[in-house]
Amino acid sequence: MTVSIVDYGLGNLGSVANMLKRIGSEVRRVSTPEDIRASDRVLLPGIGAFDTGMSLLRAQGLEPALLEFAATGRPLLGICLGMQLLLGSSEEGVASGLGLIPGRSVRFQEAPGLRVPHMGWNLVEPVRDDSLTAHLPDDSRFYFVHSYRVVPDSDADILATTRYGVPFASMIRSGNVMGAQYHPEKSHAFGMQILRNFSTL
């Protein structure tokens, strides 16, 4: 149950690590291509802008290692910005993403009663059975802070949805590559269950 958290300069690594330790996982902070390639499972966090995230990954030589790791079939989970980086592009910037799941991120449209960024607790509803969402109660609520939502090219890659004005993909999965838009480390028992599920994949 060892989880490697990618330390590339963005993300609340301390809180994520503490939550993983609470569920009994061994945690490693990895910041080199060699450490990523040697990992059992990798968690890619992220807080901030899309282009900044990709620039940091590339500057530290981590992009090829993440692509190689994903190609091995070992579990890779992106959370918050990390989920968006799994896709090909974002309206937030001009950089290309990792391209592990075809799609892009688009900005929420402001409307009466809907403020951007989307911030707060919202229901996450799985659209199919999956090991990543196993044992979640029907009323599972998670904590979100984001201005952009993920739009996969294929609906088959949508694992769960949330409604904020419009329904959007709050979890995605294509094989061993997974993403969660919310902050599991801030989502109490529900987030703990997601991390527990990931830790045992």
N, C-alpha and C. Protein backbone atom coordinates (compact mmCIF):
# COMPACT_ATOMS: atom_id res chain seq x y z
N MET A 1 0.83 -1.21 0.00
CA MET A 1 0.00 0.00 0.00
C MET A 1 0.86 1.25 0.00
N THR A 2 1.89 1.28 -0.82
CA THR A 2 2.75 2.46 -0.91
C THR A 2 2.24 3.39 -2.00
N VAL A 3 2.05 4.67 -1.65
CA VAL A 3 1.61 5.67 -2.61
C VAL A 3 2.71 6.72 -2.76
N SER A 4 3.12 6.97 -3.98
CA SER A 4 4.10 8.01 -4.27
C SER A 4 3.38 9.28 -4.68
N ILE A 5 3.63 10.38 -3.96
CA ILE A 5 3.04 11.67 -4.29
C ILE A 5 4.07 12.50 -5.04
N VAL A 6 3.69 12.98 -6.22
CA VAL A 6 4.63 13.73 -7.04
C VAL A 6 4.80 15.14 -6.47
N ASP A 7 6.02 15.46 -6.09
CA ASP A 7 6.35 16.78 -5.54
C ASP A 7 7.02 17.58 -6.65
N TYR A 8 6.23 18.43 -7.33
CA TYR A 8 6.77 19.23 -8.44
C TYR A 8 6.56 20.72 -8.21
N GLY A 9 6.14 21.07 -6.99
CA GLY A 9 6.03 22.48 -6.65
C GLY A 9 4.62 23.01 -6.55
N LEU A 10 3.61 22.18 -6.84
CA LEU A 10 2.22 22.59 -6.74
C LEU A 10 1.44 21.52 -5.99
N GLY A 11 0.57 21.95 -5.09
CA GLY A 11 -0.28 20.97 -4.43
C GLY A 11 -0.06 20.93 -2.94
N ASN A 12 -1.11 20.54 -2.23
CA ASN A 12 -1.07 20.47 -0.78
C ASN A 12 -0.59 19.08 -0.36
N LEU A 13 0.71 18.85 -0.54
CA LEU A 13 1.26 17.51 -0.32
C LEU A 13 1.13 17.06 1.13
N GLY A 14 1.31 17.98 2.06
CA GLY A 14 1.26 17.60 3.46
C GLY A 14 -0.07 17.03 3.87
N SER A 15 -1.16 17.69 3.47
CA SER A 15 -2.50 17.21 3.82
C SER A 15 -2.81 15.88 3.16
N VAL A 16 -2.41 15.73 1.89
CA VAL A 16 -2.65 14.47 1.20
C VAL A 16 -1.87 13.34 1.87
N ALA A 17 -0.62 13.60 2.20
CA ALA A 17 0.22 12.59 2.85
C ALA A 17 -0.37 12.19 4.21
N ASN A 18 -0.83 13.17 4.97
CA ASN A 18 -1.39 12.87 6.28
C ASN A 18 -2.65 12.01 6.18
N MET A 19 -3.49 12.29 5.20
CA MET A 19 -4.70 11.49 5.02
C MET A 19 -4.33 10.06 4.64
N LEU A 20 -3.35 9.90 3.77
CA LEU A 20 -2.92 8.56 3.37
C LEU A 20 -2.34 7.79 4.55
N LYS A 21 -1.58 8.48 5.38
CA LYS A 21 -1.01 7.82 6.56
C LYS A 21 -2.10 7.39 7.52
N ARG A 22 -3.18 8.18 7.62
CA ARG A 22 -4.28 7.83 8.51
C ARG A 22 -4.96 6.53 8.12
N ILE A 23 -4.95 6.21 6.83
CA ILE A 23 -5.58 4.97 6.39
C ILE A 23 -4.58 3.82 6.32
N GLY A 24 -3.35 4.07 6.76
CA GLY A 24 -2.37 3.00 6.85
C GLY A 24 -1.47 2.83 5.65
N SER A 25 -1.49 3.79 4.74
CA SER A 25 -0.63 3.70 3.56
C SER A 25 0.77 4.21 3.88
N GLU A 26 1.74 3.63 3.23
CA GLU A 26 3.09 4.17 3.26
C GLU A 26 3.19 5.23 2.19
N VAL A 27 3.75 6.38 2.53
CA VAL A 27 3.79 7.51 1.61
C VAL A 27 5.22 7.85 1.24
N ARG A 28 5.45 8.08 -0.05
CA ARG A 28 6.74 8.55 -0.54
C ARG A 28 6.52 9.83 -1.33
N ARG A 29 7.33 10.85 -1.08
CA ARG A 29 7.32 12.03 -1.93
C ARG A 29 8.37 11.82 -3.01
N VAL A 30 7.97 11.93 -4.24
CA VAL A 30 8.90 11.67 -5.35
C VAL A 30 9.04 12.93 -6.19
N SER A 31 10.25 13.22 -6.59
CA SER A 31 10.50 14.44 -7.36
C SER A 31 11.49 14.20 -8.50
N THR A 32 11.83 12.95 -8.77
CA THR A 32 12.74 12.63 -9.87
C THR A 32 12.09 11.61 -10.79
N PRO A 33 12.48 11.60 -12.06
CA PRO A 33 11.95 10.60 -12.98
C PRO A 33 12.21 9.18 -12.49
N GLU A 34 13.39 8.95 -11.91
CA GLU A 34 13.75 7.61 -11.46
C GLU A 34 12.82 7.13 -10.35
N ASP A 35 12.47 8.03 -9.43
CA ASP A 35 11.58 7.65 -8.34
C ASP A 35 10.16 7.36 -8.84
N ILE A 36 9.71 8.14 -9.82
CA ILE A 36 8.39 7.87 -10.39
C ILE A 36 8.36 6.50 -11.06
N ARG A 37 9.38 6.21 -11.84
CA ARG A 37 9.41 4.93 -12.55
C ARG A 37 9.45 3.74 -11.59
N ALA A 38 10.01 3.94 -10.39
CA ALA A 38 10.15 2.86 -9.42
C ALA A 38 8.95 2.73 -8.48
N SER A 39 7.91 3.53 -8.68
CA SER A 39 6.77 3.56 -7.77
C SER A 39 5.78 2.43 -8.03
N ASP A 40 5.02 2.10 -6.99
CA ASP A 40 3.93 1.12 -7.12
C ASP A 40 2.67 1.78 -7.66
N ARG A 41 2.36 2.94 -7.15
CA ARG A 41 1.23 3.74 -7.60
C ARG A 41 1.59 5.20 -7.38
N VAL A 42 1.06 6.06 -8.25
CA VAL A 42 1.46 7.46 -8.23
C VAL A 42 0.23 8.35 -8.10
N LEU A 43 0.32 9.34 -7.21
CA LEU A 43 -0.71 10.35 -7.06
C LEU A 43 -0.13 11.69 -7.50
N LEU A 44 -0.80 12.32 -8.46
CA LEU A 44 -0.37 13.61 -9.00
C LEU A 44 -1.30 14.70 -8.47
N PRO A 45 -0.84 15.48 -7.48
CA PRO A 45 -1.69 16.55 -6.95
C PRO A 45 -1.59 17.79 -7.81
N GLY A 46 -2.19 18.88 -7.34
CA GLY A 46 -2.05 20.13 -8.08
C GLY A 46 -3.02 21.19 -7.62
N ILE A 47 -2.51 22.38 -7.39
CA ILE A 47 -3.32 23.56 -7.09
C ILE A 47 -2.73 24.70 -7.90
N GLY A 48 -3.57 25.38 -8.69
CA GLY A 48 -3.05 26.50 -9.47
C GLY A 48 -3.42 26.40 -10.93
N ALA A 49 -2.58 27.00 -11.77
CA ALA A 49 -2.89 27.16 -13.18
C ALA A 49 -2.34 26.00 -14.01
N PHE A 50 -3.06 25.66 -15.07
CA PHE A 50 -2.71 24.54 -15.95
C PHE A 50 -1.32 24.69 -16.55
N ASP A 51 -1.06 25.85 -17.17
CA ASP A 51 0.25 26.05 -17.81
C ASP A 51 1.40 25.98 -16.82
N THR A 52 1.18 26.51 -15.62
CA THR A 52 2.22 26.46 -14.59
C THR A 52 2.52 25.02 -14.21
N GLY A 53 1.47 24.22 -14.05
CA GLY A 53 1.65 22.82 -13.70
C GLY A 53 2.45 22.06 -14.74
N MET A 54 2.07 22.23 -16.01
CA MET A 54 2.80 21.52 -17.06
C MET A 54 4.22 22.04 -17.20
N SER A 55 4.41 23.34 -17.02
CA SER A 55 5.76 23.90 -17.11
C SER A 55 6.67 23.32 -16.04
N LEU A 56 6.17 23.17 -14.83
CA LEU A 56 6.97 22.62 -13.74
C LEU A 56 7.28 21.14 -13.99
N LEU A 57 6.29 20.39 -14.44
CA LEU A 57 6.55 18.97 -14.74
C LEU A 57 7.63 18.83 -15.80
N ARG A 58 7.56 19.67 -16.83
CA ARG A 58 8.53 19.57 -17.92
C ARG A 58 9.90 20.06 -17.50
N ALA A 59 9.94 21.12 -16.73
CA ALA A 59 11.23 21.67 -16.29
C ALA A 59 11.99 20.67 -15.43
N GLN A 60 11.26 19.83 -14.70
CA GLN A 60 11.90 18.85 -13.83
C GLN A 60 12.04 17.47 -14.48
N GLY A 61 11.69 17.40 -15.76
CA GLY A 61 11.85 16.15 -16.51
C GLY A 61 10.90 15.06 -16.09
N LEU A 62 9.76 15.43 -15.52
CA LEU A 62 8.84 14.42 -14.97
C LEU A 62 7.79 13.94 -15.97
N GLU A 63 7.55 14.71 -17.02
CA GLU A 63 6.51 14.31 -17.98
C GLU A 63 6.79 12.95 -18.61
N PRO A 64 7.99 12.70 -19.17
CA PRO A 64 8.23 11.38 -19.77
C PRO A 64 8.09 10.25 -18.75
N ALA A 65 8.52 10.49 -17.52
CA ALA A 65 8.42 9.44 -16.50
C ALA A 65 6.97 9.12 -16.18
N LEU A 66 6.11 10.13 -16.12
CA LEU A 66 4.69 9.89 -15.86
C LEU A 66 4.05 9.13 -17.01
N LEU A 67 4.41 9.48 -18.24
CA LEU A 67 3.88 8.76 -19.40
C LEU A 67 4.34 7.31 -19.42
N GLU A 68 5.61 7.10 -19.09
CA GLU A 68 6.13 5.73 -19.04
C GLU A 68 5.48 4.94 -17.92
N PHE A 69 5.30 5.58 -16.77
CA PHE A 69 4.66 4.91 -15.64
C PHE A 69 3.24 4.48 -16.03
N ALA A 70 2.48 5.38 -16.63
CA ALA A 70 1.11 5.05 -17.01
C ALA A 70 1.07 3.90 -18.01
N ALA A 71 2.05 3.84 -18.90
CA ALA A 71 2.08 2.79 -19.91
C ALA A 71 2.31 1.41 -19.32
N THR A 72 2.81 1.35 -18.09
CA THR A 72 3.06 0.05 -17.46
C THR A 72 1.79 -0.58 -16.90
N GLY A 73 0.72 0.21 -16.79
CA GLY A 73 -0.52 -0.30 -16.22
C GLY A 73 -0.64 -0.11 -14.72
N ARG A 74 0.36 0.48 -14.08
CA ARG A 74 0.25 0.74 -12.65
C ARG A 74 -0.67 1.94 -12.40
N PRO A 75 -1.31 2.01 -11.22
CA PRO A 75 -2.32 3.04 -10.98
C PRO A 75 -1.74 4.45 -10.88
N LEU A 76 -2.39 5.38 -11.58
CA LEU A 76 -2.02 6.79 -11.56
C LEU A 76 -3.29 7.60 -11.31
N LEU A 77 -3.29 8.42 -10.24
CA LEU A 77 -4.44 9.24 -9.88
C LEU A 77 -4.05 10.70 -9.85
N GLY A 78 -4.75 11.53 -10.62
CA GLY A 78 -4.57 12.97 -10.55
C GLY A 78 -5.71 13.59 -9.76
N ILE A 79 -5.40 14.52 -8.85
CA ILE A 79 -6.45 15.17 -8.08
C ILE A 79 -6.39 16.68 -8.29
N CYS A 80 -7.57 17.29 -8.35
CA CYS A 80 -7.73 18.73 -8.58
C CYS A 80 -7.02 19.11 -9.89
N LEU A 81 -6.07 20.03 -9.86
CA LEU A 81 -5.35 20.37 -11.09
C LEU A 81 -4.69 19.14 -11.69
N GLY A 82 -4.23 18.23 -10.85
CA GLY A 82 -3.60 17.00 -11.35
C GLY A 82 -4.50 16.21 -12.27
N MET A 83 -5.82 16.23 -12.01
CA MET A 83 -6.76 15.57 -12.90
C MET A 83 -6.78 16.27 -14.25
N GLN A 84 -6.80 17.60 -14.24
CA GLN A 84 -6.85 18.33 -15.50
C GLN A 84 -5.58 18.14 -16.33
N LEU A 85 -4.45 17.98 -15.65
CA LEU A 85 -3.19 17.77 -16.37
C LEU A 85 -3.15 16.44 -17.10
N LEU A 86 -4.01 15.50 -16.72
CA LEU A 86 -4.05 14.20 -17.40
C LEU A 86 -4.58 14.33 -18.82
N LEU A 87 -5.31 15.42 -19.10
CA LEU A 87 -5.95 15.59 -20.40
C LEU A 87 -5.02 16.27 -21.39
N GLY A 88 -5.56 16.56 -22.57
CA GLY A 88 -4.72 17.09 -23.63
C GLY A 88 -4.50 18.58 -23.59
N SER A 89 -5.50 19.35 -23.07
CA SER A 89 -5.39 20.80 -23.10
C SER A 89 -6.39 21.42 -22.15
N SER A 90 -6.29 22.75 -22.00
CA SER A 90 -7.21 23.49 -21.14
C SER A 90 -7.42 24.87 -21.72
N GLU A 91 -8.65 25.37 -21.58
CA GLU A 91 -8.92 26.76 -21.96
C GLU A 91 -8.15 27.75 -21.10
N GLU A 92 -7.65 27.28 -19.98
CA GLU A 92 -6.94 28.17 -19.06
C GLU A 92 -5.61 28.64 -19.61
N GLY A 93 -5.04 27.87 -20.54
CA GLY A 93 -3.72 28.23 -21.04
C GLY A 93 -3.49 27.69 -22.44
N VAL A 94 -2.22 27.67 -22.84
CA VAL A 94 -1.86 27.25 -24.19
C VAL A 94 -1.02 25.98 -24.20
N ALA A 95 -0.56 25.55 -23.04
CA ALA A 95 0.30 24.36 -22.97
C ALA A 95 -0.51 23.11 -23.26
N SER A 96 0.16 22.10 -23.82
CA SER A 96 -0.47 20.80 -23.96
C SER A 96 -0.33 20.05 -22.65
N GLY A 97 -1.34 19.21 -22.36
CA GLY A 97 -1.30 18.40 -21.16
C GLY A 97 -0.60 17.08 -21.40
N LEU A 98 -0.75 16.17 -20.45
CA LEU A 98 -0.11 14.86 -20.57
C LEU A 98 -0.76 14.00 -21.64
N GLY A 99 -2.03 14.24 -21.92
CA GLY A 99 -2.71 13.50 -22.99
C GLY A 99 -2.98 12.05 -22.68
N LEU A 100 -3.03 11.70 -21.41
CA LEU A 100 -3.27 10.30 -21.04
C LEU A 100 -4.73 9.92 -21.17
N ILE A 101 -5.62 10.90 -21.04
CA ILE A 101 -7.05 10.71 -21.30
C ILE A 101 -7.46 11.81 -22.28
N PRO A 102 -7.94 11.47 -23.46
CA PRO A 102 -8.30 12.50 -24.43
C PRO A 102 -9.40 13.42 -23.90
N GLY A 103 -9.19 14.72 -24.05
CA GLY A 103 -10.18 15.68 -23.59
C GLY A 103 -9.53 17.00 -23.26
N ARG A 104 -10.32 17.92 -22.69
CA ARG A 104 -9.82 19.25 -22.36
C ARG A 104 -10.60 19.78 -21.17
N SER A 105 -10.09 20.86 -20.60
CA SER A 105 -10.78 21.55 -19.51
C SER A 105 -11.34 22.86 -20.04
N VAL A 106 -12.58 23.16 -19.62
CA VAL A 106 -13.24 24.39 -20.05
C VAL A 106 -13.70 25.15 -18.81
N ARG A 107 -13.79 26.46 -18.93
CA ARG A 107 -14.18 27.29 -17.79
C ARG A 107 -15.69 27.21 -17.54
N PHE A 108 -16.07 27.17 -16.29
CA PHE A 108 -17.48 27.30 -15.95
C PHE A 108 -18.01 28.64 -16.43
N GLN A 109 -19.25 28.65 -16.90
CA GLN A 109 -19.90 29.90 -17.29
C GLN A 109 -20.63 30.49 -16.09
N GLU A 110 -20.34 31.75 -15.78
CA GLU A 110 -21.03 32.40 -14.69
C GLU A 110 -22.50 32.61 -15.05
N ALA A 111 -23.36 32.47 -14.05
CA ALA A 111 -24.79 32.64 -14.24
C ALA A 111 -25.38 33.09 -12.91
N PRO A 112 -26.60 33.63 -12.91
CA PRO A 112 -27.22 34.04 -11.65
C PRO A 112 -27.22 32.90 -10.63
N GLY A 113 -26.65 33.16 -9.48
CA GLY A 113 -26.59 32.15 -8.43
C GLY A 113 -25.42 31.19 -8.55
N LEU A 114 -24.65 31.31 -9.62
CA LEU A 114 -23.49 30.43 -9.83
C LEU A 114 -22.23 31.28 -9.89
N ARG A 115 -21.40 31.15 -8.89
CA ARG A 115 -20.16 31.92 -8.85
C ARG A 115 -19.00 31.05 -9.31
N VAL A 116 -18.06 31.68 -9.94
CA VAL A 116 -16.83 31.01 -10.38
C VAL A 116 -15.67 31.66 -9.64
N PRO A 117 -14.86 30.87 -8.93
CA PRO A 117 -14.78 29.40 -8.97
C PRO A 117 -15.92 28.69 -8.22
N HIS A 118 -16.13 27.47 -8.63
CA HIS A 118 -17.01 26.55 -7.91
C HIS A 118 -16.28 26.17 -6.63
N MET A 119 -16.88 26.51 -5.49
CA MET A 119 -16.21 26.27 -4.22
C MET A 119 -17.22 25.76 -3.20
N GLY A 120 -16.91 24.62 -2.60
CA GLY A 120 -17.77 24.09 -1.55
C GLY A 120 -18.04 22.61 -1.72
N TRP A 121 -19.01 22.14 -0.95
CA TRP A 121 -19.34 20.71 -0.89
C TRP A 121 -20.43 20.37 -1.89
N ASN A 122 -20.19 19.31 -2.67
CA ASN A 122 -21.17 18.87 -3.66
C ASN A 122 -21.22 17.36 -3.75
N LEU A 123 -22.37 16.89 -4.16
CA LEU A 123 -22.60 15.47 -4.33
C LEU A 123 -21.81 14.94 -5.53
N VAL A 124 -21.17 13.81 -5.34
CA VAL A 124 -20.48 13.10 -6.43
C VAL A 124 -21.23 11.80 -6.69
N GLU A 125 -21.69 11.63 -7.92
CA GLU A 125 -22.53 10.48 -8.26
C GLU A 125 -21.82 9.59 -9.28
N PRO A 126 -21.35 8.41 -8.89
CA PRO A 126 -20.74 7.49 -9.85
C PRO A 126 -21.73 7.08 -10.93
N VAL A 127 -21.25 6.95 -12.14
CA VAL A 127 -22.12 6.54 -13.25
C VAL A 127 -21.97 5.06 -13.57
N ARG A 128 -20.99 4.41 -12.93
CA ARG A 128 -20.83 2.96 -13.10
C ARG A 128 -20.06 2.42 -11.91
N ASP A 129 -20.15 1.13 -11.72
CA ASP A 129 -19.39 0.49 -10.65
C ASP A 129 -17.91 0.52 -10.99
N ASP A 130 -17.09 0.81 -9.98
CA ASP A 130 -15.66 0.88 -10.21
C ASP A 130 -14.95 0.68 -8.88
N SER A 131 -13.76 0.10 -8.94
CA SER A 131 -13.01 -0.15 -7.72
C SER A 131 -12.60 1.15 -7.03
N LEU A 132 -12.45 2.25 -7.76
CA LEU A 132 -12.04 3.51 -7.16
C LEU A 132 -13.16 4.13 -6.32
N THR A 133 -14.40 3.85 -6.66
CA THR A 133 -15.53 4.43 -5.94
C THR A 133 -16.26 3.40 -5.07
N ALA A 134 -15.67 2.24 -4.88
CA ALA A 134 -16.31 1.19 -4.09
C ALA A 134 -16.55 1.65 -2.66
N HIS A 135 -17.66 1.19 -2.09
CA HIS A 135 -18.01 1.42 -0.67
C HIS A 135 -18.36 2.86 -0.35
N LEU A 136 -18.62 3.68 -1.36
CA LEU A 136 -19.08 5.04 -1.10
C LEU A 136 -20.60 5.03 -0.90
N PRO A 137 -21.11 5.72 0.13
CA PRO A 137 -22.56 5.82 0.28
C PRO A 137 -23.17 6.67 -0.83
N ASP A 138 -24.48 6.56 -1.01
CA ASP A 138 -25.15 7.26 -2.11
C ASP A 138 -25.09 8.78 -1.96
N ASP A 139 -24.95 9.27 -0.74
CA ASP A 139 -24.96 10.72 -0.51
C ASP A 139 -23.55 11.28 -0.30
N SER A 140 -22.57 10.72 -0.98
CA SER A 140 -21.18 11.13 -0.78
C SER A 140 -20.94 12.55 -1.31
N ARG A 141 -20.45 13.42 -0.42
CA ARG A 141 -20.18 14.81 -0.79
C ARG A 141 -18.68 15.10 -0.62
N PHE A 142 -18.16 15.86 -1.55
CA PHE A 142 -16.74 16.15 -1.58
C PHE A 142 -16.52 17.66 -1.70
N TYR A 143 -15.31 18.09 -1.32
CA TYR A 143 -15.00 19.52 -1.31
C TYR A 143 -14.29 19.92 -2.61
N PHE A 144 -14.84 20.92 -3.29
CA PHE A 144 -14.33 21.40 -4.58
C PHE A 144 -13.84 22.84 -4.47
N VAL A 145 -12.79 23.14 -5.22
CA VAL A 145 -12.36 24.51 -5.48
C VAL A 145 -11.78 24.53 -6.89
N HIS A 146 -12.55 25.00 -7.87
CA HIS A 146 -12.03 25.03 -9.25
C HIS A 146 -12.89 25.93 -10.12
N SER A 147 -12.25 26.47 -11.15
CA SER A 147 -12.93 27.32 -12.13
C SER A 147 -13.12 26.62 -13.47
N TYR A 148 -12.42 25.51 -13.66
CA TYR A 148 -12.46 24.78 -14.93
C TYR A 148 -12.96 23.36 -14.69
N ARG A 149 -13.73 22.86 -15.64
CA ARG A 149 -14.26 21.51 -15.54
C ARG A 149 -13.73 20.66 -16.69
N VAL A 150 -13.59 19.40 -16.43
CA VAL A 150 -13.02 18.47 -17.41
C VAL A 150 -14.10 17.97 -18.36
N VAL A 151 -13.78 17.97 -19.65
CA VAL A 151 -14.68 17.43 -20.68
C VAL A 151 -13.92 16.35 -21.45
N PRO A 152 -14.05 15.08 -21.07
CA PRO A 152 -13.37 14.02 -21.83
C PRO A 152 -13.97 13.89 -23.23
N ASP A 153 -13.15 13.48 -24.18
CA ASP A 153 -13.66 13.25 -25.53
C ASP A 153 -14.70 12.15 -25.56
N SER A 154 -14.52 11.15 -24.69
CA SER A 154 -15.44 10.01 -24.65
C SER A 154 -16.17 9.95 -23.32
N ASP A 155 -17.49 9.83 -23.38
CA ASP A 155 -18.28 9.68 -22.16
C ASP A 155 -17.90 8.40 -21.41
N ALA A 156 -17.30 7.45 -22.11
CA ALA A 156 -16.90 6.20 -21.47
C ALA A 156 -15.82 6.42 -20.42
N ASP A 157 -15.12 7.57 -20.49
CA ASP A 157 -14.07 7.87 -19.52
C ASP A 157 -14.59 8.61 -18.29
N ILE A 158 -15.88 8.92 -18.27
CA ILE A 158 -16.48 9.59 -17.11
C ILE A 158 -16.83 8.54 -16.06
N LEU A 159 -16.30 8.72 -14.86
CA LEU A 159 -16.54 7.77 -13.77
C LEU A 159 -17.62 8.27 -12.82
N ALA A 160 -17.68 9.59 -12.61
CA ALA A 160 -18.68 10.17 -11.73
C ALA A 160 -18.97 11.60 -12.17
N THR A 161 -20.16 12.08 -11.84
CA THR A 161 -20.55 13.43 -12.21
C THR A 161 -21.00 14.21 -10.99
N THR A 162 -20.96 15.53 -11.14
CA THR A 162 -21.43 16.47 -10.13
C THR A 162 -22.15 17.58 -10.88
N ARG A 163 -23.14 18.19 -10.24
CA ARG A 163 -23.87 19.29 -10.90
C ARG A 163 -23.49 20.62 -10.26
N TYR A 164 -23.07 21.55 -11.10
CA TYR A 164 -22.89 22.94 -10.69
C TYR A 164 -23.34 23.79 -11.87
N GLY A 165 -24.61 24.10 -11.89
CA GLY A 165 -25.21 24.73 -13.06
C GLY A 165 -25.48 23.70 -14.13
N VAL A 166 -24.44 23.04 -14.56
CA VAL A 166 -24.53 21.93 -15.52
C VAL A 166 -23.85 20.72 -14.90
N PRO A 167 -24.23 19.51 -15.31
CA PRO A 167 -23.48 18.34 -14.84
C PRO A 167 -22.09 18.33 -15.46
N PHE A 168 -21.10 17.96 -14.66
CA PHE A 168 -19.74 17.88 -15.19
C PHE A 168 -19.06 16.63 -14.64
N ALA A 169 -17.99 16.23 -15.31
CA ALA A 169 -17.24 15.03 -14.90
C ALA A 169 -16.38 15.38 -13.69
N SER A 170 -16.76 14.85 -12.54
CA SER A 170 -15.97 15.10 -11.33
C SER A 170 -14.97 13.99 -11.06
N MET A 171 -15.12 12.84 -11.74
CA MET A 171 -14.13 11.77 -11.71
C MET A 171 -14.05 11.16 -13.10
N ILE A 172 -12.84 10.80 -13.50
CA ILE A 172 -12.63 10.17 -14.80
C ILE A 172 -11.73 8.96 -14.62
N ARG A 173 -11.83 8.03 -15.56
CA ARG A 173 -10.93 6.88 -15.53
C ARG A 173 -10.84 6.25 -16.92
N SER A 174 -9.63 5.99 -17.33
CA SER A 174 -9.36 5.22 -18.54
C SER A 174 -8.30 4.19 -18.19
N GLY A 175 -8.73 2.96 -17.96
CA GLY A 175 -7.80 1.92 -17.55
C GLY A 175 -7.20 2.23 -16.19
N ASN A 176 -5.89 2.30 -16.14
CA ASN A 176 -5.19 2.55 -14.88
C ASN A 176 -4.98 4.03 -14.58
N VAL A 177 -5.44 4.92 -15.46
CA VAL A 177 -5.29 6.37 -15.27
C VAL A 177 -6.61 6.95 -14.79
N MET A 178 -6.58 7.63 -13.62
CA MET A 178 -7.78 8.10 -12.96
C MET A 178 -7.63 9.55 -12.54
N GLY A 179 -8.77 10.23 -12.39
CA GLY A 179 -8.73 11.61 -11.92
C GLY A 179 -9.92 11.93 -11.05
N ALA A 180 -9.70 12.81 -10.07
CA ALA A 180 -10.75 13.32 -9.19
C ALA A 180 -10.61 14.83 -9.11
N GLN A 181 -11.68 15.56 -9.44
CA GLN A 181 -11.61 17.02 -9.45
C GLN A 181 -11.60 17.63 -8.05
N TYR A 182 -12.24 16.97 -7.12
CA TYR A 182 -12.34 17.49 -5.75
C TYR A 182 -11.04 17.25 -4.98
N HIS A 183 -11.03 17.74 -3.74
CA HIS A 183 -9.89 17.53 -2.85
C HIS A 183 -10.23 16.39 -1.90
N PRO A 184 -9.75 15.18 -2.13
CA PRO A 184 -10.07 14.08 -1.20
C PRO A 184 -9.50 14.33 0.19
N GLU A 185 -8.38 15.02 0.27
CA GLU A 185 -7.75 15.26 1.57
C GLU A 185 -8.55 16.24 2.43
N LYS A 186 -9.52 16.94 1.82
CA LYS A 186 -10.38 17.87 2.57
C LYS A 186 -11.81 17.36 2.67
N SER A 187 -12.04 16.14 2.22
CA SER A 187 -13.40 15.61 2.11
C SER A 187 -13.74 14.56 3.14
N HIS A 188 -13.06 14.59 4.26
CA HIS A 188 -13.40 13.76 5.43
C HIS A 188 -13.49 12.28 5.05
N ALA A 189 -14.52 11.61 5.56
CA ALA A 189 -14.61 10.16 5.40
C ALA A 189 -14.76 9.75 3.93
N PHE A 190 -15.43 10.58 3.14
CA PHE A 190 -15.62 10.23 1.73
C PHE A 190 -14.29 10.27 0.98
N GLY A 191 -13.51 11.32 1.22
CA GLY A 191 -12.20 11.39 0.58
C GLY A 191 -11.27 10.31 1.07
N MET A 192 -11.39 9.97 2.34
CA MET A 192 -10.57 8.90 2.90
C MET A 192 -10.87 7.57 2.21
N GLN A 193 -12.14 7.34 1.89
CA GLN A 193 -12.50 6.09 1.22
C GLN A 193 -11.92 6.03 -0.19
N ILE A 194 -11.94 7.16 -0.90
CA ILE A 194 -11.35 7.19 -2.25
C ILE A 194 -9.86 6.88 -2.18
N LEU A 195 -9.15 7.50 -1.24
CA LEU A 195 -7.72 7.25 -1.12
C LEU A 195 -7.44 5.83 -0.66
N ARG A 196 -8.31 5.29 0.19
CA ARG A 196 -8.14 3.90 0.60
C ARG A 196 -8.31 2.96 -0.59
N ASN A 197 -9.31 3.24 -1.41
CA ASN A 197 -9.52 2.42 -2.61
C ASN A 197 -8.33 2.49 -3.55
N PHE A 198 -7.83 3.71 -3.76
CA PHE A 198 -6.66 3.87 -4.65
C PHE A 198 -5.45 3.14 -4.10
N SER A 199 -5.28 3.20 -2.79
CA SER A 199 -4.09 2.60 -2.16
C SER A 199 -4.06 1.09 -2.31
N THR A 200 -5.20 0.48 -2.56
CA THR A 200 -5.27 -0.97 -2.65
C THR A 200 -5.43 -1.48 -4.08
N LEU A 201 -5.38 -0.58 -5.06
CA LEU A 201 -5.47 -1.03 -6.45
C LEU A 201 -4.21 -1.76 -6.87
